[in-house]
Amino acid sequence: MRYRLAISLAATGVGFAALTACSAHPEQTPRPSQPPPTHASTSLTGGTSSCAGQPPVSPLPIWARAGFTPADTAMPHVLGVSGNIVAILWATPNALHAPALPDQANKILWVSKVSSGPMTIRATLAGTTSTAIVQLPGGPGPSYVNMPTPGCWTMHLTWAGHTDQLSLRYVS
């Protein structure tokens, strides 16, 4: 139901403002001494590489299109390495900011292909040992995901017995 609400509001042109009112405020805890991940990070177009540039604005995977009209509406998004989750960015103009801008939230609509349930994001800043933990008790769905500093953040996602990862670029 939360997906249908977020998507139908977006389709009517008031989604951004309404999504702001509906989004959860995740807890974030920087973890300065965690080791860097050994997994490869995703590129913005899938596969493995860095997250240079902004995410593509293109139609969502078929399984993530419910509620969009037309169904092939182009949205900025990043697909997880395993293909089990997609991060749809609501930031305008298609950029996430660190720190978050005072008049623009770092909104992400997480759509899971496989299931729902509480989600934990363990984010690691490329080339550093800096990490941040974001808890989304409601699981995939609308959220704010703020990172403490700009750069390429690899998001290690766990929810309902599933894992995936993707990389998101935060700009200053």
N, C-alpha and C. Protein backbone atom coordinates (compact mmCIF):
# COMPACT_ATOMS: atom_id res chain seq x y z
N MET A 1 0.81 -1.18 0.00
CA MET A 1 0.00 0.00 0.00
C MET A 1 0.86 1.25 0.00
N ARG A 2 1.99 1.26 0.71
CA ARG A 2 2.83 2.46 0.74
C ARG A 2 3.40 2.76 -0.64
N TYR A 3 3.66 1.71 -1.44
CA TYR A 3 4.16 1.96 -2.80
C TYR A 3 3.07 2.64 -3.63
N ARG A 4 1.85 2.12 -3.53
CA ARG A 4 0.75 2.67 -4.32
C ARG A 4 0.51 4.11 -3.94
N LEU A 5 0.55 4.45 -2.66
CA LEU A 5 0.36 5.81 -2.20
C LEU A 5 1.44 6.72 -2.77
N ALA A 6 2.70 6.34 -2.62
CA ALA A 6 3.79 7.18 -3.09
C ALA A 6 3.75 7.36 -4.59
N ILE A 7 3.48 6.28 -5.31
CA ILE A 7 3.49 6.35 -6.76
C ILE A 7 2.28 7.11 -7.29
N SER A 8 1.09 6.89 -6.72
CA SER A 8 -0.07 7.61 -7.22
C SER A 8 0.04 9.10 -6.93
N LEU A 9 0.62 9.47 -5.80
CA LEU A 9 0.82 10.89 -5.51
C LEU A 9 1.80 11.51 -6.49
N ALA A 10 2.84 10.78 -6.85
CA ALA A 10 3.81 11.30 -7.81
C ALA A 10 3.15 11.52 -9.16
N ALA A 11 2.28 10.61 -9.55
CA ALA A 11 1.62 10.70 -10.84
C ALA A 11 0.69 11.90 -10.91
N THR A 12 0.18 12.37 -9.79
CA THR A 12 -0.72 13.52 -9.81
C THR A 12 0.01 14.85 -9.68
N GLY A 13 1.33 14.80 -9.55
CA GLY A 13 2.08 16.04 -9.49
C GLY A 13 2.30 16.57 -8.08
N VAL A 14 1.69 15.94 -7.08
CA VAL A 14 1.89 16.40 -5.71
C VAL A 14 2.68 15.39 -4.91
N GLY A 15 3.23 14.41 -5.58
CA GLY A 15 3.94 13.32 -4.91
C GLY A 15 5.11 13.80 -4.09
N PHE A 16 5.87 14.72 -4.61
CA PHE A 16 7.06 15.16 -3.87
C PHE A 16 6.68 15.75 -2.53
N ALA A 17 5.68 16.64 -2.51
CA ALA A 17 5.27 17.26 -1.25
C ALA A 17 4.61 16.23 -0.33
N ALA A 18 3.76 15.39 -0.88
CA ALA A 18 3.08 14.39 -0.06
C ALA A 18 4.06 13.35 0.45
N LEU A 19 5.01 12.97 -0.38
CA LEU A 19 5.99 11.98 0.04
C LEU A 19 6.81 12.52 1.20
N THR A 20 7.06 13.83 1.21
CA THR A 20 7.75 14.46 2.32
C THR A 20 6.98 14.23 3.61
N ALA A 21 5.69 14.38 3.57
CA ALA A 21 4.88 14.21 4.76
C ALA A 21 4.81 12.76 5.21
N CYS A 22 4.94 11.81 4.26
CA CYS A 22 4.79 10.39 4.58
C CYS A 22 6.09 9.69 4.90
N SER A 23 7.21 10.28 4.59
CA SER A 23 8.49 9.60 4.73
C SER A 23 8.89 9.42 6.18
N ALA A 24 9.56 8.29 6.42
CA ALA A 24 10.09 8.03 7.75
C ALA A 24 11.41 8.77 7.92
N HIS A 25 11.76 9.10 9.15
CA HIS A 25 13.05 9.71 9.45
C HIS A 25 13.94 8.63 10.04
N PRO A 26 14.83 8.04 9.19
CA PRO A 26 15.66 6.95 9.69
C PRO A 26 16.72 7.44 10.66
N GLU A 27 17.11 6.53 11.57
CA GLU A 27 18.22 6.84 12.47
C GLU A 27 19.51 6.60 11.71
N GLN A 28 20.50 7.47 11.90
CA GLN A 28 21.77 7.31 11.24
C GLN A 28 22.88 7.42 12.28
N THR A 29 23.78 6.46 12.25
CA THR A 29 24.87 6.45 13.20
C THR A 29 26.18 6.28 12.45
N PRO A 30 27.02 7.33 12.36
CA PRO A 30 28.30 7.16 11.71
C PRO A 30 29.14 6.13 12.45
N ARG A 31 29.86 5.31 11.73
CA ARG A 31 30.73 4.29 12.29
C ARG A 31 32.13 4.50 11.70
N PRO A 32 33.00 5.29 12.35
CA PRO A 32 34.26 5.68 11.76
C PRO A 32 35.31 4.58 11.63
N SER A 33 35.20 3.48 12.34
CA SER A 33 36.30 2.53 12.32
C SER A 33 35.95 1.18 11.70
N GLN A 34 34.90 1.12 10.90
CA GLN A 34 34.56 -0.13 10.23
C GLN A 34 35.48 -0.36 9.03
N PRO A 35 35.85 -1.61 8.72
CA PRO A 35 36.69 -1.87 7.55
C PRO A 35 35.90 -1.65 6.27
N PRO A 36 36.58 -1.29 5.18
CA PRO A 36 35.87 -1.09 3.92
C PRO A 36 35.30 -2.42 3.43
N PRO A 37 34.23 -2.37 2.63
CA PRO A 37 33.62 -3.60 2.16
C PRO A 37 34.51 -4.30 1.15
N THR A 38 34.34 -5.61 1.04
CA THR A 38 35.11 -6.37 0.07
C THR A 38 34.29 -6.63 -1.19
N HIS A 39 33.02 -6.21 -1.19
CA HIS A 39 32.15 -6.42 -2.34
C HIS A 39 32.39 -5.32 -3.37
N ALA A 40 32.11 -5.61 -4.64
CA ALA A 40 32.19 -4.59 -5.68
C ALA A 40 30.97 -3.68 -5.56
N SER A 41 31.11 -2.45 -5.97
CA SER A 41 29.96 -1.55 -5.96
C SER A 41 29.34 -1.51 -7.34
N THR A 42 28.07 -1.10 -7.38
CA THR A 42 27.38 -1.07 -8.66
C THR A 42 27.62 0.24 -9.37
N SER A 43 27.56 0.19 -10.67
CA SER A 43 27.58 1.43 -11.44
C SER A 43 26.15 1.93 -11.50
N LEU A 44 25.95 3.08 -12.07
CA LEU A 44 24.61 3.62 -12.17
C LEU A 44 23.80 2.94 -13.25
N THR A 45 24.42 2.15 -14.07
CA THR A 45 23.69 1.46 -15.11
C THR A 45 23.69 -0.04 -14.89
N GLY A 46 24.13 -0.51 -13.73
CA GLY A 46 24.17 -1.93 -13.42
C GLY A 46 25.58 -2.45 -13.58
N GLY A 47 25.84 -3.65 -13.12
CA GLY A 47 27.17 -4.21 -13.23
C GLY A 47 28.03 -3.78 -12.07
N THR A 48 29.35 -3.87 -12.22
CA THR A 48 30.24 -3.52 -11.13
C THR A 48 31.23 -2.45 -11.58
N SER A 49 31.29 -1.34 -10.87
CA SER A 49 32.26 -0.27 -11.06
C SER A 49 31.94 0.83 -10.06
N SER A 50 32.43 2.04 -10.30
CA SER A 50 32.18 3.14 -9.37
C SER A 50 30.87 3.82 -9.71
N CYS A 51 30.49 4.83 -8.93
CA CYS A 51 29.22 5.52 -9.17
C CYS A 51 29.46 6.93 -9.69
N ALA A 52 30.30 7.07 -10.69
CA ALA A 52 30.56 8.37 -11.30
C ALA A 52 29.28 8.91 -11.94
N GLY A 53 29.05 10.19 -11.80
CA GLY A 53 27.90 10.82 -12.43
C GLY A 53 26.62 10.63 -11.65
N GLN A 54 25.53 11.08 -12.25
CA GLN A 54 24.21 10.98 -11.64
C GLN A 54 23.49 9.76 -12.21
N PRO A 55 22.48 9.26 -11.50
CA PRO A 55 21.78 8.07 -11.97
C PRO A 55 21.02 8.33 -13.27
N PRO A 56 20.84 7.30 -14.06
CA PRO A 56 20.11 7.46 -15.31
C PRO A 56 18.64 7.78 -15.04
N VAL A 57 18.05 8.53 -15.94
CA VAL A 57 16.62 8.78 -15.90
C VAL A 57 16.05 7.95 -17.04
N SER A 58 15.44 6.84 -16.68
CA SER A 58 14.93 5.90 -17.66
C SER A 58 13.77 5.12 -17.05
N PRO A 59 13.05 4.34 -17.87
CA PRO A 59 11.96 3.54 -17.30
C PRO A 59 12.47 2.58 -16.24
N LEU A 60 11.66 2.36 -15.23
CA LEU A 60 11.99 1.45 -14.14
C LEU A 60 11.91 0.00 -14.62
N PRO A 61 12.53 -0.92 -13.87
CA PRO A 61 12.33 -2.34 -14.19
C PRO A 61 10.83 -2.64 -14.20
N ILE A 62 10.41 -3.56 -15.01
CA ILE A 62 8.98 -3.88 -15.14
C ILE A 62 8.35 -4.19 -13.79
N TRP A 63 9.04 -4.92 -12.92
CA TRP A 63 8.48 -5.31 -11.62
C TRP A 63 8.35 -4.14 -10.65
N ALA A 64 8.95 -2.99 -10.95
CA ALA A 64 8.90 -1.83 -10.05
C ALA A 64 7.97 -0.74 -10.55
N ARG A 65 7.19 -0.99 -11.60
CA ARG A 65 6.38 0.04 -12.24
C ARG A 65 4.97 0.19 -11.70
N ALA A 66 4.53 -0.66 -10.79
CA ALA A 66 3.15 -0.60 -10.30
C ALA A 66 2.81 0.80 -9.82
N GLY A 67 1.70 1.33 -10.29
CA GLY A 67 1.23 2.64 -9.86
C GLY A 67 1.71 3.79 -10.72
N PHE A 68 2.71 3.58 -11.58
CA PHE A 68 3.18 4.66 -12.45
C PHE A 68 2.31 4.72 -13.70
N THR A 69 1.93 5.93 -14.09
CA THR A 69 1.16 6.14 -15.30
C THR A 69 1.80 7.25 -16.10
N PRO A 70 2.26 6.97 -17.32
CA PRO A 70 2.28 5.65 -17.96
C PRO A 70 3.29 4.73 -17.27
N ALA A 71 3.14 3.44 -17.48
CA ALA A 71 3.96 2.44 -16.79
C ALA A 71 5.45 2.61 -17.07
N ASP A 72 5.79 3.13 -18.23
CA ASP A 72 7.21 3.29 -18.59
C ASP A 72 7.73 4.70 -18.29
N THR A 73 7.13 5.38 -17.32
CA THR A 73 7.58 6.71 -16.90
C THR A 73 9.06 6.66 -16.55
N ALA A 74 9.83 7.60 -17.09
CA ALA A 74 11.27 7.66 -16.80
C ALA A 74 11.48 8.28 -15.43
N MET A 75 12.28 7.62 -14.60
CA MET A 75 12.59 8.08 -13.25
C MET A 75 14.08 7.88 -13.00
N PRO A 76 14.73 8.78 -12.24
CA PRO A 76 16.12 8.51 -11.85
C PRO A 76 16.15 7.36 -10.86
N HIS A 77 16.95 6.35 -11.14
CA HIS A 77 16.97 5.18 -10.26
C HIS A 77 18.27 4.40 -10.40
N VAL A 78 18.54 3.57 -9.38
CA VAL A 78 19.71 2.69 -9.38
C VAL A 78 19.22 1.30 -8.96
N LEU A 79 19.58 0.30 -9.74
CA LEU A 79 19.19 -1.07 -9.47
C LEU A 79 20.28 -1.77 -8.68
N GLY A 80 19.89 -2.57 -7.69
CA GLY A 80 20.85 -3.33 -6.89
C GLY A 80 21.60 -4.36 -7.74
N VAL A 81 22.79 -4.75 -7.31
CA VAL A 81 23.63 -5.72 -8.02
C VAL A 81 22.87 -7.02 -8.27
N SER A 82 22.15 -7.51 -7.26
CA SER A 82 21.41 -8.76 -7.41
C SER A 82 20.09 -8.59 -8.15
N GLY A 83 19.69 -7.35 -8.38
CA GLY A 83 18.44 -7.09 -9.08
C GLY A 83 17.20 -7.26 -8.23
N ASN A 84 17.36 -7.28 -6.89
CA ASN A 84 16.23 -7.49 -5.99
C ASN A 84 15.62 -6.21 -5.45
N ILE A 85 16.27 -5.08 -5.69
CA ILE A 85 15.77 -3.81 -5.16
C ILE A 85 16.17 -2.69 -6.09
N VAL A 86 15.36 -1.66 -6.13
CA VAL A 86 15.69 -0.47 -6.90
C VAL A 86 15.49 0.74 -5.99
N ALA A 87 16.43 1.70 -6.10
CA ALA A 87 16.34 2.97 -5.38
C ALA A 87 15.87 4.02 -6.38
N ILE A 88 14.66 4.52 -6.20
CA ILE A 88 14.11 5.56 -7.07
C ILE A 88 14.34 6.89 -6.36
N LEU A 89 15.07 7.80 -7.01
CA LEU A 89 15.44 9.06 -6.38
C LEU A 89 14.39 10.13 -6.66
N TRP A 90 13.98 10.81 -5.59
CA TRP A 90 13.00 11.89 -5.71
C TRP A 90 13.67 13.25 -5.61
N ALA A 91 14.98 13.28 -5.46
CA ALA A 91 15.71 14.54 -5.38
C ALA A 91 15.65 15.25 -6.74
N THR A 92 15.64 16.56 -6.70
CA THR A 92 15.60 17.35 -7.92
C THR A 92 16.77 18.31 -7.88
N PRO A 93 17.58 18.44 -8.87
CA PRO A 93 17.54 17.74 -10.16
C PRO A 93 18.37 16.46 -10.16
N ASN A 94 17.80 15.40 -9.71
CA ASN A 94 18.39 14.05 -9.74
C ASN A 94 19.69 13.94 -8.98
N ALA A 95 19.84 14.68 -7.90
CA ALA A 95 21.08 14.60 -7.12
C ALA A 95 20.75 14.50 -5.64
N LEU A 96 21.48 13.63 -4.96
CA LEU A 96 21.42 13.54 -3.51
C LEU A 96 22.52 14.44 -2.96
N HIS A 97 22.26 15.11 -1.85
CA HIS A 97 23.21 16.08 -1.30
C HIS A 97 23.67 15.69 0.11
N ALA A 98 24.96 15.94 0.38
CA ALA A 98 25.52 15.75 1.72
C ALA A 98 26.32 16.99 2.07
N PRO A 99 25.89 17.72 3.09
CA PRO A 99 24.69 17.47 3.87
C PRO A 99 23.44 17.76 3.04
N ALA A 100 22.29 17.29 3.53
CA ALA A 100 21.03 17.53 2.83
C ALA A 100 20.78 19.03 2.74
N LEU A 101 20.20 19.46 1.62
CA LEU A 101 19.87 20.87 1.45
C LEU A 101 18.70 21.25 2.35
N PRO A 102 18.66 22.51 2.85
CA PRO A 102 17.58 22.89 3.76
C PRO A 102 16.20 22.84 3.12
N ASP A 103 16.12 23.04 1.80
CA ASP A 103 14.83 23.07 1.12
C ASP A 103 14.58 21.84 0.25
N GLN A 104 15.42 20.81 0.39
CA GLN A 104 15.26 19.61 -0.43
C GLN A 104 15.75 18.39 0.34
N ALA A 105 14.89 17.43 0.54
CA ALA A 105 15.27 16.22 1.25
C ALA A 105 15.88 15.19 0.29
N ASN A 106 16.68 14.30 0.82
CA ASN A 106 17.25 13.19 0.05
C ASN A 106 16.28 12.02 0.10
N LYS A 107 15.28 12.10 -0.73
CA LYS A 107 14.21 11.10 -0.73
C LYS A 107 14.54 9.95 -1.67
N ILE A 108 14.32 8.75 -1.17
CA ILE A 108 14.50 7.54 -1.97
C ILE A 108 13.28 6.66 -1.74
N LEU A 109 12.68 6.20 -2.83
CA LEU A 109 11.63 5.20 -2.75
C LEU A 109 12.29 3.87 -3.08
N TRP A 110 12.37 2.99 -2.09
CA TRP A 110 12.95 1.66 -2.26
C TRP A 110 11.83 0.72 -2.68
N VAL A 111 12.02 0.02 -3.81
CA VAL A 111 11.04 -0.97 -4.25
C VAL A 111 11.75 -2.31 -4.33
N SER A 112 11.24 -3.26 -3.55
CA SER A 112 11.82 -4.60 -3.51
C SER A 112 11.08 -5.53 -4.46
N LYS A 113 11.84 -6.33 -5.17
CA LYS A 113 11.27 -7.32 -6.08
C LYS A 113 10.83 -8.56 -5.31
N VAL A 114 11.45 -8.83 -4.16
CA VAL A 114 11.28 -10.12 -3.50
C VAL A 114 10.41 -10.11 -2.24
N SER A 115 10.45 -9.09 -1.42
CA SER A 115 9.66 -9.09 -0.18
C SER A 115 9.81 -7.75 0.52
N SER A 116 9.13 -7.64 1.65
CA SER A 116 9.25 -6.45 2.47
C SER A 116 9.59 -6.87 3.90
N GLY A 117 9.95 -5.91 4.71
CA GLY A 117 10.31 -6.15 6.10
C GLY A 117 11.32 -5.11 6.51
N PRO A 118 11.58 -4.95 7.79
CA PRO A 118 12.54 -3.93 8.24
C PRO A 118 13.85 -4.01 7.44
N MET A 119 14.37 -2.85 7.07
CA MET A 119 15.58 -2.81 6.25
C MET A 119 16.68 -2.03 6.96
N THR A 120 17.90 -2.56 6.88
CA THR A 120 19.08 -1.88 7.38
C THR A 120 19.99 -1.56 6.21
N ILE A 121 20.47 -0.33 6.19
CA ILE A 121 21.42 0.11 5.18
C ILE A 121 22.74 0.36 5.89
N ARG A 122 23.78 -0.34 5.50
CA ARG A 122 25.14 -0.08 5.99
C ARG A 122 25.87 0.55 4.82
N ALA A 123 26.10 1.84 4.90
CA ALA A 123 26.71 2.59 3.80
C ALA A 123 28.18 2.84 4.09
N THR A 124 29.02 2.64 3.09
CA THR A 124 30.46 2.85 3.22
C THR A 124 30.90 3.84 2.15
N LEU A 125 31.62 4.89 2.56
CA LEU A 125 32.14 5.89 1.65
C LEU A 125 33.36 5.33 0.93
N ALA A 126 33.35 5.37 -0.40
CA ALA A 126 34.43 4.82 -1.22
C ALA A 126 35.78 5.38 -0.81
N GLY A 127 36.77 4.50 -0.70
CA GLY A 127 38.14 4.90 -0.39
C GLY A 127 38.39 5.25 1.06
N THR A 128 37.41 5.00 1.94
CA THR A 128 37.57 5.35 3.35
C THR A 128 37.05 4.20 4.21
N THR A 129 37.18 4.37 5.52
CA THR A 129 36.57 3.43 6.45
C THR A 129 35.30 4.05 7.07
N SER A 130 34.87 5.20 6.57
CA SER A 130 33.67 5.86 7.09
C SER A 130 32.42 5.08 6.69
N THR A 131 31.59 4.81 7.68
CA THR A 131 30.32 4.14 7.42
C THR A 131 29.20 4.88 8.12
N ALA A 132 28.00 4.64 7.66
CA ALA A 132 26.79 5.15 8.30
C ALA A 132 25.76 4.05 8.27
N ILE A 133 24.98 3.94 9.33
CA ILE A 133 23.92 2.95 9.41
C ILE A 133 22.58 3.67 9.38
N VAL A 134 21.68 3.21 8.51
CA VAL A 134 20.33 3.76 8.42
C VAL A 134 19.36 2.62 8.64
N GLN A 135 18.46 2.79 9.59
CA GLN A 135 17.42 1.79 9.88
C GLN A 135 16.10 2.26 9.29
N LEU A 136 15.47 1.41 8.51
CA LEU A 136 14.14 1.69 7.96
C LEU A 136 13.19 0.63 8.52
N PRO A 137 12.57 0.91 9.68
CA PRO A 137 11.73 -0.10 10.34
C PRO A 137 10.58 -0.60 9.47
N GLY A 138 10.07 0.25 8.60
CA GLY A 138 8.97 -0.15 7.72
C GLY A 138 9.44 -0.91 6.50
N GLY A 139 10.74 -1.05 6.33
CA GLY A 139 11.29 -1.76 5.18
C GLY A 139 11.29 -0.92 3.93
N PRO A 140 11.47 -1.57 2.77
CA PRO A 140 11.47 -0.83 1.51
C PRO A 140 10.19 -0.01 1.38
N GLY A 141 10.34 1.18 0.86
CA GLY A 141 9.26 2.14 0.71
C GLY A 141 9.87 3.53 0.71
N PRO A 142 9.08 4.58 0.94
CA PRO A 142 9.61 5.93 0.94
C PRO A 142 10.46 6.20 2.17
N SER A 143 11.56 6.93 1.98
CA SER A 143 12.46 7.22 3.09
C SER A 143 13.31 8.45 2.80
N TYR A 144 13.95 8.96 3.85
CA TYR A 144 15.04 9.91 3.72
C TYR A 144 16.31 9.11 3.97
N VAL A 145 17.32 9.28 3.15
CA VAL A 145 18.60 8.63 3.39
C VAL A 145 19.68 9.70 3.22
N ASN A 146 20.16 10.22 4.36
CA ASN A 146 21.18 11.26 4.36
C ASN A 146 22.52 10.64 4.73
N MET A 147 23.57 11.09 4.06
CA MET A 147 24.93 10.67 4.37
C MET A 147 25.68 11.87 4.93
N PRO A 148 26.70 11.64 5.77
CA PRO A 148 27.38 12.75 6.44
C PRO A 148 28.30 13.57 5.53
N THR A 149 28.82 12.98 4.46
CA THR A 149 29.73 13.71 3.58
C THR A 149 29.47 13.34 2.13
N PRO A 150 29.86 14.23 1.19
CA PRO A 150 29.70 13.92 -0.23
C PRO A 150 30.61 12.76 -0.64
N GLY A 151 30.26 12.12 -1.73
CA GLY A 151 31.07 11.06 -2.29
C GLY A 151 30.22 9.89 -2.73
N CYS A 152 30.90 8.83 -3.12
CA CYS A 152 30.24 7.61 -3.58
C CYS A 152 30.04 6.68 -2.38
N TRP A 153 28.80 6.42 -2.03
CA TRP A 153 28.45 5.57 -0.89
C TRP A 153 27.92 4.24 -1.38
N THR A 154 28.57 3.15 -0.98
CA THR A 154 28.07 1.82 -1.30
C THR A 154 27.09 1.42 -0.21
N MET A 155 25.87 1.15 -0.62
CA MET A 155 24.80 0.79 0.29
C MET A 155 24.65 -0.73 0.34
N HIS A 156 24.95 -1.32 1.49
CA HIS A 156 24.75 -2.75 1.71
C HIS A 156 23.39 -2.88 2.39
N LEU A 157 22.43 -3.46 1.70
CA LEU A 157 21.04 -3.50 2.15
C LEU A 157 20.68 -4.90 2.64
N THR A 158 20.01 -4.97 3.78
CA THR A 158 19.48 -6.24 4.27
C THR A 158 18.04 -6.02 4.70
N TRP A 159 17.14 -6.94 4.30
CA TRP A 159 15.74 -6.88 4.67
C TRP A 159 15.10 -8.25 4.46
N ALA A 160 14.30 -8.65 5.39
CA ALA A 160 13.49 -9.87 5.30
C ALA A 160 14.26 -11.07 4.74
N GLY A 161 15.48 -11.29 5.22
CA GLY A 161 16.27 -12.42 4.76
C GLY A 161 16.94 -12.23 3.41
N HIS A 162 16.89 -11.03 2.86
CA HIS A 162 17.49 -10.74 1.55
C HIS A 162 18.60 -9.72 1.71
N THR A 163 19.53 -9.72 0.77
CA THR A 163 20.59 -8.72 0.73
C THR A 163 20.78 -8.25 -0.70
N ASP A 164 21.26 -7.05 -0.83
CA ASP A 164 21.62 -6.50 -2.14
C ASP A 164 22.52 -5.31 -1.84
N GLN A 165 23.11 -4.77 -2.86
CA GLN A 165 23.92 -3.56 -2.68
C GLN A 165 23.86 -2.73 -3.94
N LEU A 166 24.07 -1.43 -3.76
CA LEU A 166 24.15 -0.48 -4.86
C LEU A 166 24.93 0.72 -4.37
N SER A 167 25.35 1.54 -5.30
CA SER A 167 26.10 2.75 -4.93
C SER A 167 25.35 3.99 -5.34
N LEU A 168 25.38 4.98 -4.45
CA LEU A 168 24.73 6.26 -4.70
C LEU A 168 25.73 7.38 -4.50
N ARG A 169 25.74 8.34 -5.40
CA ARG A 169 26.62 9.50 -5.29
C ARG A 169 25.88 10.62 -4.59
N TYR A 170 26.52 11.17 -3.56
CA TYR A 170 26.04 12.36 -2.85
C TYR A 170 26.97 13.50 -3.20
N VAL A 171 26.41 14.64 -3.59
CA VAL A 171 27.21 15.80 -3.96
C VAL A 171 27.09 16.86 -2.88
N SER A 172 28.02 17.84 -2.90
CA SER A 172 27.96 18.91 -1.89
C SER A 172 27.08 20.04 -2.35
